[in-house]
Amino acid sequence: MDPVAMGFFASLAAGLMTGVGALPVLFGYTISRRLNDGLLGFAAGVMLAASFFSLIIPGIELAEQQYEQTEIAAAIGVLGVALGAGFVAVLNEWVPHEHFIQGPQGPNSKGLAKIWLFVFAITIHNLPEGLAVGVGFGTGNMANGVSLATGIGLQNAAEGLAVAVALLSCGYSKSYSVAIATYTGLVEPVSGLLGAYAVSLSQLLLPWALIFAAGAMIYVISHEIIPETHSHGFENDATFGLTIGLMVMMFLDISLG
């Protein structure tokens, strides 16, 4: 199959795992805040490992092959991370959104319902994940794409359950909470398609795109997920979850790649 199509369908599958993870809420299952923070920590660990093992390192290796100079590859690595993190930082600054712990952020949002502010927040969070999967397949390296899609899908399932439970605790119905959790994952095939298509246009874009996606995810980990998991007194559980997630993603990347 065409790498662009693979990038789209793989990022779609990874995004839909958010809804799959939220399904237990429909049957009355909930999780404690402690487990919730552990699951979010797991998601952060997967994203952190994917950023380095599946994106930054392959990106720098590609840059070295293209330019045959370590200094240029290192510069692309630094600039790529800065651009990716800066992109999400700009979205945080200009898109109105709200987090459960951090509260409203971005421009004045009085005209928007609170649930939409939350949806926008998770959408900003999920954009880099879909981009990473799309770029992974857009390189033509199917093994790297599969490991990324698998890892992102696993962390989406954990995140989807956490999101649905959080919405349920805010007074939303079971079906509505699951629907919103599913909806937030559907931005991933959009960014996945854009990422796969962009790198298919020129091989010179490959290292930039890989490292850009990594920088965007690292920003999300530090700015969104870790503060959330360290706000309820369960830092040890969150750190344990992060460690497990990192090990799982590292294993997937090495065994599949």
Protein backbone atom coordinates (compact mmCIF):
# COMPACT_ATOMS: atom_id res chain seq x y z
CA MET A 1 0.00 0.00 0.00
CA ASP A 2 1.08 3.57 -0.65
CA PRO A 3 2.99 5.00 2.38
CA VAL A 4 0.68 8.04 2.51
CA ALA A 5 -2.41 5.81 2.67
CA MET A 6 -0.70 3.64 5.27
CA GLY A 7 0.09 6.74 7.32
CA PHE A 8 -3.56 7.81 7.21
CA PHE A 9 -5.07 4.45 8.11
CA ALA A 10 -2.48 3.72 10.80
CA SER A 11 -3.01 7.09 12.46
CA LEU A 12 -6.78 6.55 12.19
CA ALA A 13 -6.45 3.19 13.95
CA ALA A 14 -4.22 4.73 16.63
CA GLY A 15 -6.68 7.60 17.12
CA LEU A 16 -9.66 5.27 17.44
CA MET A 17 -7.89 3.46 20.28
CA THR A 18 -8.82 6.48 22.39
CA GLY A 19 -12.46 5.45 22.05
CA VAL A 20 -11.64 1.78 22.63
CA GLY A 21 -9.89 2.64 25.87
CA ALA A 22 -12.92 4.64 27.01
CA LEU A 23 -15.42 1.78 26.44
CA PRO A 24 -15.27 0.35 30.01
CA VAL A 25 -17.00 3.53 31.20
CA LEU A 26 -20.13 2.48 29.28
CA PHE A 27 -20.37 -0.62 31.47
CA GLY A 28 -19.99 1.25 34.71
CA TYR A 29 -16.29 0.68 35.24
CA THR A 30 -14.34 3.58 36.71
CA ILE A 31 -10.79 3.97 37.94
CA SER A 32 -9.27 5.66 40.94
CA ARG A 33 -7.35 8.91 40.67
CA ARG A 34 -4.23 6.93 41.54
CA LEU A 35 -4.67 4.55 38.60
CA ASN A 36 -5.69 7.46 36.38
CA ASP A 37 -2.37 9.20 37.06
CA GLY A 38 -0.52 5.94 36.48
CA LEU A 39 -2.19 5.48 33.09
CA LEU A 40 -1.39 9.03 32.05
CA GLY A 41 2.19 8.45 33.20
CA PHE A 42 2.28 5.34 30.98
CA ALA A 43 1.10 7.48 28.05
CA ALA A 44 3.86 10.00 28.76
CA GLY A 45 6.47 7.24 28.86
CA VAL A 46 5.38 5.85 25.50
CA MET A 47 5.50 9.31 23.95
CA LEU A 48 8.90 10.05 25.47
CA ALA A 49 10.45 6.83 24.16
CA ALA A 50 8.84 7.29 20.75
CA SER A 51 10.22 10.82 20.56
CA PHE A 52 13.80 9.62 20.87
CA PHE A 53 13.93 6.03 19.60
CA SER A 54 11.45 6.36 16.72
CA LEU A 55 11.80 10.01 15.71
CA ILE A 56 14.89 11.96 16.87
CA ILE A 57 17.50 9.22 16.40
CA PRO A 58 16.23 8.09 12.96
CA GLY A 59 15.87 11.75 11.97
CA ILE A 60 19.47 12.56 12.86
CA GLU A 61 20.71 9.41 11.10
CA LEU A 62 18.83 10.41 7.94
CA ALA A 63 20.27 13.91 8.12
CA GLU A 64 23.79 12.48 8.43
CA GLN A 65 23.20 10.33 5.36
CA GLN A 66 21.83 13.25 3.36
CA TYR A 67 24.43 15.88 4.24
CA GLU A 68 27.38 13.67 5.28
CA GLN A 69 28.22 16.11 8.06
CA THR A 70 27.57 15.44 11.72
CA GLU A 71 27.40 19.16 12.54
CA ILE A 72 24.56 19.74 10.07
CA ALA A 73 22.66 16.71 11.38
CA ALA A 74 23.08 17.98 14.95
CA ALA A 75 21.82 21.43 13.93
CA ILE A 76 18.76 19.90 12.26
CA GLY A 77 18.12 17.95 15.46
CA VAL A 78 18.26 21.06 17.61
CA LEU A 79 16.20 23.23 15.26
CA GLY A 80 13.66 20.48 14.57
CA VAL A 81 12.93 19.98 18.27
CA ALA A 82 12.70 23.75 18.79
CA LEU A 83 10.27 24.16 15.87
CA GLY A 84 8.06 21.28 17.00
CA ALA A 85 7.88 22.49 20.59
CA GLY A 86 7.38 26.06 19.42
CA PHE A 87 4.50 25.02 17.17
CA VAL A 88 2.54 23.49 20.04
CA ALA A 89 3.45 26.42 22.28
CA VAL A 90 1.90 28.79 19.72
CA LEU A 91 -1.25 26.64 19.57
CA ASN A 92 -1.45 26.79 23.37
CA GLU A 93 -1.15 30.54 23.22
CA TRP A 94 -3.68 31.22 20.46
CA VAL A 95 -6.29 28.44 20.71
CA PRO A 96 -8.76 28.77 23.60
CA HIS A 97 -8.78 25.59 25.68
CA GLU A 98 -9.09 24.33 29.24
CA HIS A 99 -7.44 21.61 31.32
CA PHE A 100 -8.89 19.87 34.36
CA ILE A 101 -6.09 21.06 36.63
CA GLN A 102 -4.52 24.07 34.92
CA GLY A 103 -7.83 25.72 34.05
CA PRO A 104 -8.52 28.01 31.05
CA GLN A 105 -5.65 28.88 28.74
CA GLY A 106 -5.24 30.81 25.51
CA PRO A 107 -7.43 33.72 24.35
CA ASN A 108 -10.67 34.79 26.01
CA SER A 109 -13.00 31.79 25.86
CA LYS A 110 -16.22 33.04 27.46
CA GLY A 111 -18.25 32.41 24.32
CA LEU A 112 -17.41 28.70 24.18
CA ALA A 113 -18.93 25.88 26.19
CA LYS A 114 -16.53 24.32 28.69
CA ILE A 115 -16.69 20.91 27.01
CA TRP A 116 -15.43 22.40 23.75
CA LEU A 117 -12.54 24.04 25.56
CA PHE A 118 -11.62 20.62 26.89
CA VAL A 119 -11.94 19.07 23.41
CA PHE A 120 -9.62 21.73 22.00
CA ALA A 121 -7.08 20.97 24.74
CA ILE A 122 -7.01 17.24 23.93
CA THR A 123 -6.95 18.03 20.20
CA ILE A 124 -3.78 20.11 20.67
CA HIS A 125 -2.38 17.17 22.62
CA ASN A 126 -3.20 14.60 19.91
CA LEU A 127 -1.98 16.52 16.88
CA PRO A 128 1.70 15.59 17.38
CA GLU A 129 0.84 11.92 17.91
CA GLY A 130 -0.96 11.60 14.57
CA LEU A 131 1.82 13.56 12.90
CA ALA A 132 4.42 11.17 14.31
CA VAL A 133 2.60 8.10 12.98
CA GLY A 134 2.03 9.67 9.56
CA VAL A 135 5.65 10.74 9.23
CA GLY A 136 6.79 7.31 10.41
CA PHE A 137 4.99 5.64 7.51
CA GLY A 138 5.79 8.46 5.10
CA THR A 139 9.48 7.60 5.38
CA GLY A 140 8.74 4.26 3.70
CA ASN A 141 10.09 2.40 6.74
CA MET A 142 7.11 0.21 7.54
CA ALA A 143 8.71 -1.30 10.65
CA ASN A 144 9.24 2.14 12.17
CA GLY A 145 5.69 3.14 11.26
CA VAL A 146 4.21 0.00 12.80
CA SER A 147 6.12 0.44 16.06
CA LEU A 148 5.00 4.07 16.28
CA ALA A 149 1.37 3.27 15.50
CA THR A 150 1.34 0.41 18.02
CA GLY A 151 2.90 2.48 20.78
CA ILE A 152 0.71 5.53 20.16
CA GLY A 153 -2.35 3.28 20.01
CA LEU A 154 -1.52 1.74 23.39
CA GLN A 155 -1.02 5.09 25.04
CA ASN A 156 -4.22 6.40 23.41
CA ALA A 157 -6.18 3.55 24.99
CA ALA A 158 -4.81 4.43 28.43
CA GLU A 159 -5.45 8.11 27.81
CA GLY A 160 -8.97 7.48 26.49
CA LEU A 161 -10.01 5.73 29.70
CA ALA A 162 -8.51 8.52 31.79
CA VAL A 163 -10.29 11.19 29.73
CA ALA A 164 -13.67 9.43 29.88
CA VAL A 165 -13.44 8.94 33.65
CA ALA A 166 -12.48 12.58 34.11
CA LEU A 167 -15.50 13.70 32.06
CA LEU A 168 -17.74 11.35 34.02
CA SER A 169 -16.54 12.93 37.26
CA CYS A 170 -17.53 16.34 35.86
CA GLY A 171 -21.15 15.22 35.56
CA TYR A 172 -21.33 14.11 31.93
CA SER A 173 -23.19 10.91 31.02
CA LYS A 174 -21.40 7.65 30.26
CA SER A 175 -22.21 7.69 26.55
CA TYR A 176 -21.30 11.36 26.19
CA SER A 177 -17.99 10.86 27.98
CA VAL A 178 -17.06 7.96 25.70
CA ALA A 179 -18.18 9.88 22.60
CA ILE A 180 -16.04 12.90 23.48
CA ALA A 181 -13.03 10.70 24.26
CA THR A 182 -13.45 9.04 20.85
CA TYR A 183 -13.90 12.36 19.09
CA THR A 184 -10.66 13.76 20.49
CA GLY A 185 -8.73 10.94 18.83
CA LEU A 186 -10.07 11.69 15.36
CA VAL A 187 -7.68 14.60 14.86
CA GLU A 188 -4.86 12.07 14.59
CA PRO A 189 -5.67 10.75 11.08
CA VAL A 190 -5.86 14.36 9.87
CA SER A 191 -2.39 15.25 11.13
CA GLY A 192 -1.19 11.77 10.16
CA LEU A 193 -2.26 12.29 6.56
CA LEU A 194 -0.62 15.71 6.44
CA GLY A 195 2.62 14.33 7.86
CA ALA A 196 2.78 11.35 5.52
CA TYR A 197 1.99 13.49 2.48
CA ALA A 198 4.53 16.17 3.39
CA VAL A 199 7.46 13.78 3.68
CA SER A 200 6.41 11.95 0.51
CA LEU A 201 7.03 15.17 -1.45
CA SER A 202 10.75 15.38 -0.70
CA GLN A 203 13.31 13.19 1.01
CA LEU A 204 14.94 16.34 2.35
CA LEU A 205 11.91 16.92 4.58
CA LEU A 206 12.19 13.52 6.29
CA PRO A 207 14.65 14.35 9.10
CA TRP A 208 12.95 17.69 9.75
CA ALA A 209 9.50 16.11 9.96
CA LEU A 210 10.62 13.29 12.26
CA ILE A 211 12.37 15.62 14.68
CA PHE A 212 9.60 18.26 14.48
CA ALA A 213 7.04 15.63 15.57
CA ALA A 214 9.34 14.62 18.44
CA GLY A 215 9.70 18.21 19.64
CA ALA A 216 5.93 18.67 19.58
CA MET A 217 5.39 15.52 21.65
CA ILE A 218 8.09 16.46 24.16
CA TYR A 219 6.36 19.79 24.72
CA VAL A 220 3.05 18.03 25.37
CA ILE A 221 4.69 15.62 27.82
CA SER A 222 6.26 18.40 29.87
CA HIS A 223 3.53 21.03 29.59
CA GLU A 224 0.39 18.88 29.74
CA ILE A 225 0.79 15.32 30.98
CA ILE A 226 3.39 15.44 33.74
CA PRO A 227 1.82 18.44 35.54
CA GLU A 228 -1.55 16.64 35.40
CA THR A 229 -0.16 13.42 36.86
CA HIS A 230 1.73 15.23 39.64
CA SER A 231 -1.20 17.27 40.91
CA HIS A 232 -2.96 14.74 43.16
CA GLY A 233 -0.26 13.26 45.38
CA PHE A 234 0.38 10.15 43.26
CA GLU A 235 3.71 11.19 41.75
CA ASN A 236 5.29 7.78 42.46
CA ASP A 237 2.53 5.96 40.58
CA ALA A 238 2.78 8.39 37.67
CA THR A 239 6.56 7.94 37.51
CA PHE A 240 6.18 4.16 37.66
CA GLY A 241 3.66 4.35 34.80
CA LEU A 242 6.03 6.56 32.79
CA THR A 243 8.87 4.08 33.28
CA ILE A 244 6.71 1.14 32.16
CA GLY A 245 5.47 3.08 29.13
CA LEU A 246 9.01 4.01 28.15
CA MET A 247 10.16 0.38 28.43
CA VAL A 248 7.19 -0.91 26.40
CA MET A 249 7.78 1.58 23.60
CA MET A 250 11.54 0.95 23.62
CA PHE A 251 10.89 -2.79 23.31
CA LEU A 252 8.44 -2.26 20.44
CA ASP A 253 10.85 -0.01 18.58
CA ILE A 254 13.80 -2.39 18.93
CA SER A 255 11.88 -5.61 18.27
CA LEU A 256 9.84 -4.30 15.33
CA GLY A 257 12.43 -1.95 13.88
